[in-house]
Every structure is written in structure tokens, then in C-alpha cells.
Amino acid sequence: MQVSVIGGGLCSEEVARLARELGRKIAERGHVLICGGRSGVMEAACQGARMAGGIAVGILPGSRDDANPYLDVMIDTGMGIARNAIVARSGDVVVALPGGVGTLSEIAIALKMGRTVISLDSWDVPGVMAAASVEEAVYMIESVCGSNR
């Protein structure tokens, strides 16, 4: 299964720690991590996936020059923020960490496309499942992924 992880391009060290842990646990379960491919939450999640031997795919808004160093696959869309739709659509489930309106737009797009969205300290939006910890988010991912098989 594919899990899209979304969140801010800038984040605190605490949020980066959560993202790394989430990326690691996604990879340990054999899922592919999809993200926007840049810095902040995206880079930390990819780093966690890489530490666990997983695969991290970045759907980049511009060129590969903007890619974080932990990506295994870089998709250079040249679409700017319109690439948010691809990030949201590519995951069987979407996990949102703290971020700004770009993260909010990905949440809205994912919900509109019928994706399950899990919030880990991110936006409180109707239709989004809230997880209190990385462990709970992973449990929710597994519940969704298991039901999609």
C-alpha cells in the first residue's frame, strides 16, 4: 500500500521527530511513503523511511533541485502547488502532520477524492480521523490498508 504523508515545509524538531518515527513505521510495515518531496515534515518522514529500508517517493512541485536527500523516487511535475492533488490521490491513506494552508489544501483534496485522512496534531477538519500518537496513526493506517486489500 501507499501512504501519503503531508505537512509543513518548515517544522519544529518535535514535529520532525514525529514525522521520522511515522516514516520509519510506515516502511517497517512494507508500505511506500508518498510525499511532496521537499523539506520539513516531508524530509523527516523520508529520512525515517530510509532508516527502515523503505521506499520514499517525492511528488515535486518544481525541479529535482528542490528534492530532499532521502527520496528514492523523484517525480518532477513542474506543476507548483497543483501537485498537491497528485500527493493526495497517490496514497491509499493520507496522514497529515502540522502544516499551513498547503497542508490544509491537501487534506481537502484528499477528502474530496474519498481518501481516508488521519490527523497527527494537524488541522481539525470534519471527516478527518484524529490520532493522538504515531502508534495510533499507524494502527489507523493498518486498519484502512487492511480494508483496501
C-alpha atoms as a PDB file:
ATOM      1  CA  MET A   1       0.000   0.000   0.000  1.00  0.00           C
ATOM      2  CA  GLN A   2       0.968   3.644  -0.404  1.00  0.00           C
ATOM      3  CA  VAL A   3       0.731   6.171   2.430  1.00  0.00           C
ATOM      4  CA  SER A   4       0.851   9.900   1.679  1.00  0.00           C
ATOM      5  CA  VAL A   5       2.430  11.940   4.480  1.00  0.00           C
ATOM      6  CA  ILE A   6       1.730  15.659   4.314  1.00  0.00           C
ATOM      7  CA  GLY A   7       2.788  18.592   6.461  1.00  0.00           C
ATOM      8  CA  GLY A   8       4.752  21.801   6.587  1.00  0.00           C
ATOM      9  CA  GLY A   9       7.883  22.534   4.609  1.00  0.00           C
ATOM     10  CA  LEU A  10       9.159  24.075   7.829  1.00  0.00           C
ATOM     11  CA  CYS A  11       8.623  22.363  11.164  1.00  0.00           C
ATOM     12  CA  SER A  12       9.883  22.189  14.717  1.00  0.00           C
ATOM     13  CA  GLU A  13      12.287  19.482  15.837  1.00  0.00           C
ATOM     14  CA  GLU A  14       9.412  17.840  17.767  1.00  0.00           C
ATOM     15  CA  VAL A  15       7.276  17.610  14.619  1.00  0.00           C
ATOM     16  CA  ALA A  16      10.299  16.355  12.650  1.00  0.00           C
ATOM     17  CA  ARG A  17      10.771  13.628  15.270  1.00  0.00           C
ATOM     18  CA  LEU A  18       7.128  12.560  14.860  1.00  0.00           C
ATOM     19  CA  ALA A  19       7.496  12.560  11.069  1.00  0.00           C
ATOM     20  CA  ARG A  20      10.696  10.456  11.210  1.00  0.00           C
ATOM     21  CA  GLU A  21       9.031   7.959  13.530  1.00  0.00           C
ATOM     22  CA  LEU A  22       5.955   7.801  11.298  1.00  0.00           C
ATOM     23  CA  GLY A  23       8.067   7.320   8.163  1.00  0.00           C
ATOM     24  CA  ARG A  24      10.044   4.553   9.849  1.00  0.00           C
ATOM     25  CA  LYS A  25       6.936   2.702  10.973  1.00  0.00           C
ATOM     26  CA  ILE A  26       5.304   3.035   7.540  1.00  0.00           C
ATOM     27  CA  ALA A  27       8.403   1.484   5.951  1.00  0.00           C
ATOM     28  CA  GLU A  28       8.681  -1.273   8.578  1.00  0.00           C
ATOM     29  CA  ARG A  29       5.190  -2.399   7.608  1.00  0.00           C
ATOM     30  CA  GLY A  30       6.172  -2.594   3.949  1.00  0.00           C
ATOM     31  CA  HIS A  31       4.209   0.433   2.758  1.00  0.00           C
ATOM     32  CA  VAL A  32       5.544   3.001   0.276  1.00  0.00           C
ATOM     33  CA  LEU A  33       5.752   6.558   1.588  1.00  0.00           C
ATOM     34  CA  ILE A  34       4.500   9.306  -0.751  1.00  0.00           C
ATOM     35  CA  CYS A  35       5.108  12.992  -0.007  1.00  0.00           C
ATOM     36  CA  GLY A  36       5.733  16.376  -1.580  1.00  0.00           C
ATOM     37  CA  GLY A  37       9.444  15.629  -1.657  1.00  0.00           C
ATOM     38  CA  ARG A  38      10.783  18.802  -0.126  1.00  0.00           C
ATOM     39  CA  SER A  39      11.916  19.868   3.373  1.00  0.00           C
ATOM     40  CA  GLY A  40      10.346  19.871   6.843  1.00  0.00           C
ATOM     41  CA  VAL A  41       7.806  17.136   7.551  1.00  0.00           C
ATOM     42  CA  MET A  42       8.394  15.628   4.112  1.00  0.00           C
ATOM     43  CA  GLU A  43      12.151  15.301   4.559  1.00  0.00           C
ATOM     44  CA  ALA A  44      11.864  13.919   8.089  1.00  0.00           C
ATOM     45  CA  ALA A  45       9.300  11.293   7.043  1.00  0.00           C
ATOM     46  CA  CYS A  46      11.525  10.235   4.129  1.00  0.00           C
ATOM     47  CA  GLN A  47      14.516  10.030   6.455  1.00  0.00           C
ATOM     48  CA  GLY A  48      12.551   7.700   8.744  1.00  0.00           C
ATOM     49  CA  ALA A  49      11.502   5.521   5.820  1.00  0.00           C
ATOM     50  CA  ARG A  50      15.086   5.350   4.550  1.00  0.00           C
ATOM     51  CA  MET A  51      16.361   4.370   8.044  1.00  0.00           C
ATOM     52  CA  ALA A  52      13.980   1.401   7.952  1.00  0.00           C
ATOM     53  CA  GLY A  53      14.951   0.365   4.408  1.00  0.00           C
ATOM     54  CA  GLY A  54      11.677   1.574   2.902  1.00  0.00           C
ATOM     55  CA  ILE A  55      10.804   3.452  -0.253  1.00  0.00           C
ATOM     56  CA  ALA A  56      10.100   7.194  -0.287  1.00  0.00           C
ATOM     57  CA  VAL A  57       8.557   8.869  -3.335  1.00  0.00           C
ATOM     58  CA  GLY A  58       8.516  12.645  -3.743  1.00  0.00           C
ATOM     59  CA  ILE A  59       5.953  14.396  -5.946  1.00  0.00           C
ATOM     60  CA  LEU A  60       7.898  17.603  -6.502  1.00  0.00           C
ATOM     61  CA  PRO A  61       6.286  20.944  -7.363  1.00  0.00           C
ATOM     62  CA  GLY A  62       9.247  22.116  -9.410  1.00  0.00           C
ATOM     63  CA  SER A  63      12.602  20.630 -10.212  1.00  0.00           C
ATOM     64  CA  ARG A  64      14.677  17.874  -8.693  1.00  0.00           C
ATOM     65  CA  ASP A  65      16.950  20.593  -7.321  1.00  0.00           C
ATOM     66  CA  ASP A  66      14.313  21.112  -4.588  1.00  0.00           C
ATOM     67  CA  ALA A  67      14.235  17.422  -3.582  1.00  0.00           C
ATOM     68  CA  ASN A  68      15.232  16.272  -0.120  1.00  0.00           C
ATOM     69  CA  PRO A  69      18.193  13.853   0.034  1.00  0.00           C
ATOM     70  CA  TYR A  70      16.166  10.903   1.373  1.00  0.00           C
ATOM     71  CA  LEU A  71      13.983  10.280  -1.674  1.00  0.00           C
ATOM     72  CA  ASP A  72      14.237   7.030  -3.610  1.00  0.00           C
ATOM     73  CA  VAL A  73      11.991   8.243  -6.435  1.00  0.00           C
ATOM     74  CA  MET A  74      11.624  11.863  -7.558  1.00  0.00           C
ATOM     75  CA  ILE A  75       8.703  12.870  -9.755  1.00  0.00           C
ATOM     76  CA  ASP A  76       9.328  16.336 -11.164  1.00  0.00           C
ATOM     77  CA  THR A  77       5.871  17.660 -12.016  1.00  0.00           C
ATOM     78  CA  GLY A  78       6.603  21.324 -12.774  1.00  0.00           C
ATOM     79  CA  MET A  79       3.043  21.928 -11.514  1.00  0.00           C
ATOM     80  CA  GLY A  80       3.723  24.045  -8.434  1.00  0.00           C
ATOM     81  CA  ILE A  81       1.099  23.616  -5.736  1.00  0.00           C
ATOM     82  CA  ALA A  82      -1.192  21.814  -8.185  1.00  0.00           C
ATOM     83  CA  ARG A  83       0.971  18.772  -7.414  1.00  0.00           C
ATOM     84  CA  ASN A  84      -0.888  18.616  -4.075  1.00  0.00           C
ATOM     85  CA  ALA A  85      -3.659  16.775  -5.908  1.00  0.00           C
ATOM     86  CA  ILE A  86      -1.209  14.081  -7.001  1.00  0.00           C
ATOM     87  CA  VAL A  87       0.182  13.697  -3.471  1.00  0.00           C
ATOM     88  CA  ALA A  88      -3.345  13.385  -2.057  1.00  0.00           C
ATOM     89  CA  ARG A  89      -4.516  10.969  -4.755  1.00  0.00           C
ATOM     90  CA  SER A  90      -1.426   8.741  -4.680  1.00  0.00           C
ATOM     91  CA  GLY A  91      -1.893   7.494  -1.129  1.00  0.00           C
ATOM     92  CA  ASP A  92      -4.346   4.792  -0.146  1.00  0.00           C
ATOM     93  CA  VAL A  93      -4.480   6.786   3.092  1.00  0.00           C
ATOM     94  CA  VAL A  94      -3.199  10.289   3.915  1.00  0.00           C
ATOM     95  CA  VAL A  95      -1.565  11.244   7.217  1.00  0.00           C
ATOM     96  CA  ALA A  96      -1.375  14.969   7.986  1.00  0.00           C
ATOM     97  CA  LEU A  97       1.155  16.444  10.389  1.00  0.00           C
ATOM     98  CA  PRO A  98       1.281  20.135  11.310  1.00  0.00           C
ATOM     99  CA  GLY A  99       1.491  22.491   8.369  1.00  0.00           C
ATOM    100  CA  GLY A 100      -0.030  25.592   6.843  1.00  0.00           C
ATOM    101  CA  VAL A 101      -2.635  26.156   4.179  1.00  0.00           C
ATOM    102  CA  GLY A 102      -0.791  23.926   1.712  1.00  0.00           C
ATOM    103  CA  THR A 103      -1.355  21.035   4.112  1.00  0.00           C
ATOM    104  CA  LEU A 104      -4.966  22.123   4.542  1.00  0.00           C
ATOM    105  CA  SER A 105      -5.440  22.102   0.768  1.00  0.00           C
ATOM    106  CA  GLU A 106      -4.063  18.548   0.547  1.00  0.00           C
ATOM    107  CA  ILE A 107      -6.437  17.455   3.311  1.00  0.00           C
ATOM    108  CA  ALA A 108      -9.403  18.956   1.472  1.00  0.00           C
ATOM    109  CA  ILE A 109      -8.362  17.416  -1.846  1.00  0.00           C
ATOM    110  CA  ALA A 110      -7.857  14.002  -0.238  1.00  0.00           C
ATOM    111  CA  LEU A 111     -11.285  14.123   1.402  1.00  0.00           C
ATOM    112  CA  LYS A 112     -12.888  15.220  -1.866  1.00  0.00           C
ATOM    113  CA  MET A 113     -11.226  12.235  -3.579  1.00  0.00           C
ATOM    114  CA  GLY A 114     -12.600   9.844  -0.979  1.00  0.00           C
ATOM    115  CA  ARG A 115      -9.322   9.154   0.787  1.00  0.00           C
ATOM    116  CA  THR A 116      -9.123   8.443   4.492  1.00  0.00           C
ATOM    117  CA  VAL A 117      -7.248  11.275   6.199  1.00  0.00           C
ATOM    118  CA  ILE A 118      -5.604  10.888   9.598  1.00  0.00           C
ATOM    119  CA  SER A 119      -4.502  13.982  11.516  1.00  0.00           C
ATOM    120  CA  LEU A 120      -1.500  13.723  13.812  1.00  0.00           C
ATOM    121  CA  ASP A 121      -1.566  17.103  15.574  1.00  0.00           C
ATOM    122  CA  SER A 122      -2.665  18.751  12.330  1.00  0.00           C
ATOM    123  CA  TRP A 123      -5.818  20.528  11.157  1.00  0.00           C
ATOM    124  CA  ASP A 124      -9.134  19.701  12.858  1.00  0.00           C
ATOM    125  CA  VAL A 125     -11.395  19.251   9.846  1.00  0.00           C
ATOM    126  CA  PRO A 126     -14.727  17.416   9.669  1.00  0.00           C
ATOM    127  CA  GLY A 127     -14.236  13.966   8.200  1.00  0.00           C
ATOM    128  CA  VAL A 128     -10.611  13.665   9.362  1.00  0.00           C
ATOM    129  CA  MET A 129      -9.695  10.991  11.915  1.00  0.00           C
ATOM    130  CA  ALA A 130      -7.571  12.298  14.804  1.00  0.00           C
ATOM    131  CA  ALA A 131      -4.641  10.247  16.095  1.00  0.00           C
ATOM    132  CA  ALA A 132      -3.135  11.058  19.483  1.00  0.00           C
ATOM    133  CA  SER A 133       0.220   9.386  18.741  1.00  0.00           C
ATOM    134  CA  VAL A 134       2.288   7.860  15.960  1.00  0.00           C
ATOM    135  CA  GLU A 135       1.302   4.424  17.228  1.00  0.00           C
ATOM    136  CA  GLU A 136      -2.386   5.269  16.944  1.00  0.00           C
ATOM    137  CA  ALA A 137      -1.858   6.726  13.458  1.00  0.00           C
ATOM    138  CA  VAL A 138      -0.104   3.522  12.366  1.00  0.00           C
ATOM    139  CA  TYR A 139      -2.942   1.444  13.801  1.00  0.00           C
ATOM    140  CA  MET A 140      -5.401   3.550  11.773  1.00  0.00           C
ATOM    141  CA  ILE A 141      -3.245   3.177   8.635  1.00  0.00           C
ATOM    142  CA  GLU A 142      -3.201  -0.577   9.073  1.00  0.00           C
ATOM    143  CA  SER A 143      -6.985  -0.619   9.570  1.00  0.00           C
ATOM    144  CA  VAL A 144      -7.522   1.323   6.338  1.00  0.00           C
ATOM    145  CA  CYS A 145      -4.879  -0.555   4.342  1.00  0.00           C
ATOM    146  CA  GLY A 146      -6.188  -3.903   5.535  1.00  0.00           C
ATOM    147  CA  SER A 147      -9.685  -2.988   4.401  1.00  0.00           C
ATOM    148  CA  ASN A 148      -8.373  -1.922   0.950  1.00  0.00           C
ATOM    149  CA  ARG A 149      -6.679  -5.263   0.197  1.00  0.00           C
END
